[in-house]
Protein backbone atom coordinates (compact mmCIF):
# COMPACT_ATOMS: atom_id res chain seq x y z
CA GLU A 1 18.35 -1.81 -20.68
CA VAL A 2 15.81 -2.72 -18.00
CA ILE A 3 13.16 -3.82 -20.50
CA LYS A 4 15.68 -6.19 -22.11
CA SER A 5 16.28 -7.85 -18.76
CA HIS A 6 14.62 -11.22 -18.08
CA GLU A 7 14.18 -10.20 -14.45
CA PHE A 8 12.07 -7.18 -15.45
CA TRP A 9 9.64 -9.47 -17.27
CA LYS A 10 9.64 -12.02 -14.45
CA LEU A 11 8.78 -9.30 -11.95
CA LEU A 12 6.09 -7.89 -14.23
CA ILE A 13 4.55 -11.36 -14.59
CA ILE A 14 4.80 -12.10 -10.87
CA PHE A 15 3.13 -8.89 -9.76
CA SER A 16 0.51 -9.03 -12.52
CA PHE A 17 -0.40 -12.63 -11.64
CA ILE A 18 -0.48 -11.96 -7.91
CA ASN A 19 -2.66 -8.87 -8.35
CA LEU A 20 -5.04 -10.80 -10.60
CA ALA A 21 -5.24 -13.66 -8.09
CA LEU A 22 -5.72 -11.32 -5.15
CA GLY A 23 -8.42 -9.45 -7.03
CA THR A 24 -10.47 -12.62 -7.26
CA ILE A 25 -10.16 -13.46 -3.57
CA ALA A 26 -9.55 -10.34 -1.48
CA ILE A 27 -12.80 -8.53 -2.28
CA HIS A 28 -15.21 -11.43 -2.53
CA ARG A 29 -14.08 -13.42 0.50
CA ILE A 30 -15.81 -11.09 2.97
CA PRO A 31 -19.36 -11.37 1.56
CA ASP A 32 -18.75 -15.06 0.94
CA PHE A 33 -17.90 -15.63 4.61
CA ILE A 34 -21.12 -13.87 5.59
CA ASP A 35 -23.09 -15.92 3.04
CA ARG A 36 -21.69 -19.04 4.75
CA GLY A 37 -23.39 -17.95 7.95
CA ILE A 38 -20.44 -16.42 9.78
CA ASP A 39 -21.51 -13.39 11.80
CA ALA A 40 -20.78 -10.13 9.95
CA GLN A 41 -19.30 -8.48 13.05
CA LEU A 42 -16.87 -11.36 13.49
CA VAL A 43 -15.91 -11.15 9.82
CA ALA A 44 -15.31 -7.40 10.30
CA LEU A 45 -13.09 -8.16 13.31
CA ALA A 46 -11.10 -10.71 11.29
CA THR A 47 -10.77 -8.18 8.46
CA ALA A 48 -9.35 -5.61 10.88
CA LEU A 49 -6.83 -8.17 12.10
CA ASP A 50 -5.88 -8.78 8.44
CA ALA A 51 -4.72 -5.14 8.29
CA VAL A 52 -2.91 -5.40 11.64
CA ALA A 53 -1.09 -8.52 10.42
CA ALA A 54 -0.10 -6.68 7.22
CA GLY A 55 1.41 -3.84 9.26
CA ILE A 56 3.34 -6.25 11.47
CA SER A 57 4.51 -8.14 8.40
CA ILE A 58 5.84 -5.00 6.73
CA PHE A 59 7.85 -4.24 9.87
CA ILE A 60 9.21 -7.80 10.13
CA ILE A 61 10.07 -8.13 6.43
CA GLY A 62 11.70 -4.70 6.48
CA ASN A 63 14.02 -5.88 9.23
CA LEU A 64 14.70 -9.27 7.64
CA GLN A 65 15.32 -8.17 4.06
CA LYS A 66 19.04 -7.55 4.65
CA LYS A 67 19.51 -10.90 6.42
CA ILE A 68 17.38 -13.24 4.30
CA PRO A 69 17.59 -13.38 0.50
CA TYR A 70 14.73 -11.66 -1.36
CA LYS A 71 13.92 -14.94 -3.14
CA ILE A 72 13.02 -16.56 0.15
CA LEU A 73 11.08 -13.58 1.49
CA THR A 74 9.17 -13.09 -1.76
CA SER A 75 8.38 -16.79 -2.04
CA LEU A 76 7.31 -16.89 1.60
CA GLY A 77 4.90 -13.99 1.04
CA PHE A 78 3.34 -15.74 -1.94
CA ILE A 79 3.17 -19.03 -0.05
CA LEU A 80 1.34 -17.32 2.82
CA LEU A 81 -1.16 -15.80 0.37
CA THR A 82 -1.67 -19.21 -1.21
CA ILE A 83 -2.24 -20.92 2.14
CA ALA A 84 -4.66 -18.18 3.25
CA SER A 85 -6.58 -18.55 -0.01
CA ILE A 86 -6.90 -22.31 0.42
CA ILE A 87 -8.15 -21.81 3.98
CA THR A 88 -10.61 -19.22 2.63
CA ILE A 89 -12.18 -21.80 0.32
CA TYR A 90 -12.80 -24.21 3.20
CA ALA A 91 -13.50 -21.74 6.03
CA GLU A 92 -16.78 -22.55 7.78
CA SER A 93 -16.16 -21.07 11.24
CA PHE A 94 -15.00 -17.79 12.71
CA PHE A 95 -11.73 -19.42 13.81
CA SER A 96 -10.88 -20.57 10.27
CA VAL A 97 -11.84 -17.14 8.87
CA LEU A 98 -9.62 -15.50 11.49
CA ILE A 99 -6.67 -17.74 10.65
CA SER A 100 -7.19 -17.13 6.93
CA MET A 101 -7.33 -13.36 7.37
CA ILE A 102 -4.25 -13.17 9.61
CA ILE A 103 -2.16 -15.34 7.28
CA PHE A 104 -3.45 -13.30 4.33
CA GLY A 105 -2.42 -10.10 6.11
CA PHE A 106 1.10 -11.39 6.73
CA GLY A 107 1.39 -12.41 3.06
CA ILE A 108 0.04 -9.11 1.75
CA GLY A 109 2.29 -7.03 4.02
CA GLY A 110 5.34 -8.92 2.88
CA MET A 111 4.35 -8.63 -0.75
CA LEU A 112 3.72 -4.88 -0.50
CA PHE A 113 7.09 -4.23 1.11
CA LEU A 114 9.00 -6.46 -1.27
CA GLN A 115 7.23 -5.11 -4.33
CA ASN A 116 8.50 -1.65 -3.46
CA PHE A 117 11.94 -2.84 -2.37
CA ILE A 118 12.79 -5.30 -5.15
CA TRP A 119 12.45 -2.86 -8.08
CA ALA A 120 14.92 -0.44 -6.53
CA ASP A 121 17.25 -3.22 -5.45
CA PHE A 122 17.30 -4.81 -8.90
CA PHE A 123 17.41 -1.74 -11.12
CA GLY A 124 18.64 1.12 -8.94
CA ARG A 125 16.91 4.27 -7.86
CA LYS A 126 17.87 6.63 -10.66
CA TYR A 127 15.15 5.48 -13.06
CA LEU A 128 12.89 3.82 -10.50
CA GLY A 129 10.02 6.23 -11.21
CA SER A 130 10.16 5.50 -14.94
CA ILE A 131 10.36 1.75 -14.39
CA ARG A 132 7.50 1.68 -11.90
CA GLY A 133 5.59 4.04 -14.19
CA MET A 134 5.71 1.36 -16.90
CA VAL A 135 4.92 -1.51 -14.57
CA MET A 136 2.16 -0.16 -12.33
CA PRO A 137 -0.46 0.47 -15.02
CA VAL A 138 0.00 -3.08 -16.33
CA THR A 139 -0.20 -4.74 -12.93
CA LEU A 140 -3.15 -2.58 -11.84
CA ILE A 141 -5.14 -3.21 -15.02
CA ILE A 142 -4.51 -6.95 -14.89
CA GLY A 143 -5.27 -6.97 -11.16
CA GLY A 144 -8.44 -4.98 -11.79
CA ILE A 145 -9.80 -7.81 -13.93
CA GLY A 146 -9.86 -10.21 -10.96
CA ALA A 147 -12.78 -8.85 -8.93
CA PRO A 148 -15.30 -8.55 -11.77
CA LEU A 149 -14.16 -11.89 -13.17
CA ALA A 150 -14.80 -13.53 -9.79
CA GLY A 151 -18.22 -11.88 -9.70
CA TYR A 152 -19.11 -13.31 -13.10
CA PHE A 153 -17.95 -16.76 -11.99
CA TYR A 154 -20.10 -16.48 -8.89
CA ASP A 155 -23.12 -15.45 -10.93
CA TYR A 156 -22.61 -18.36 -13.31
CA TYR A 157 -21.53 -21.17 -10.93
CA GLY A 158 -23.10 -20.03 -7.64
CA ASN A 159 -19.74 -20.06 -5.82
CA TYR A 160 -16.21 -18.72 -6.12
CA ASN A 161 -14.30 -21.99 -5.81
CA ASN A 162 -13.34 -22.41 -9.48
CA ILE A 163 -11.98 -18.89 -9.86
CA TRP A 164 -10.29 -19.02 -6.45
CA TRP A 165 -8.49 -22.23 -7.41
CA CYS A 166 -7.33 -20.44 -10.57
CA GLY A 167 -5.98 -17.70 -8.31
CA ILE A 168 -4.21 -20.26 -6.15
CA ILE A 169 -2.58 -21.71 -9.27
CA LEU A 170 -1.43 -18.20 -10.26
CA MET A 171 -0.02 -17.61 -6.76
CA SER A 172 1.80 -20.94 -6.87
CA THR A 173 3.24 -19.95 -10.24
CA CYS A 174 4.50 -16.74 -8.62
CA VAL A 175 6.27 -18.81 -5.96
CA VAL A 176 8.07 -20.83 -8.64
CA ILE A 177 9.04 -17.78 -10.69
CA SER A 178 10.22 -15.86 -7.62
CA ILE A 179 12.61 -18.69 -6.74
CA THR A 180 14.32 -18.17 -10.12
CA LEU A 181 14.89 -14.42 -9.61
CA LYS A 182 18.46 -13.17 -9.83
CA LYS A 183 19.62 -9.63 -9.34
CA PRO A 184 20.46 -8.39 -12.84
CA LYS A 185 23.96 -7.35 -13.76
CA LYS A 186 24.45 -4.07 -15.56
């Protein structure tokens, strides 16, 4: 019944696309910042604040999810990731790296919470393990392609910009698809 649902496939596409896009940016942004001449210790500090922002975001989203529709929260998380990724492409100073990392952390935290919440909310808890057991391998495999793909692009083009813009397009697609989500009816 779940597999026949359009929402199942939308969610699978959303989380596969977002994981692929994040795989291209999340890992490679740190060495790229350092290659741009930004002090490694400052990049490490910004990276730590990324994690702090993610934790704060999970707390905030957890408290807002009953008051604000999941479409808005999910879209907002993807929009934050998209904005952070655009800032990442143009970051040339510690301040811009810091802003990028904090926004990225807020987006990631929201996405992590909602990814866990939305499956149970849409399809119930009884078969949640089976549903997530079908979905997770797909999203992880597709997401796992991102980092090596970005590395190959870097080796070929000498920068990440082309592949990161592809990731931004995927994230923007996730925003559009998430706006169309509707809780399935049994």
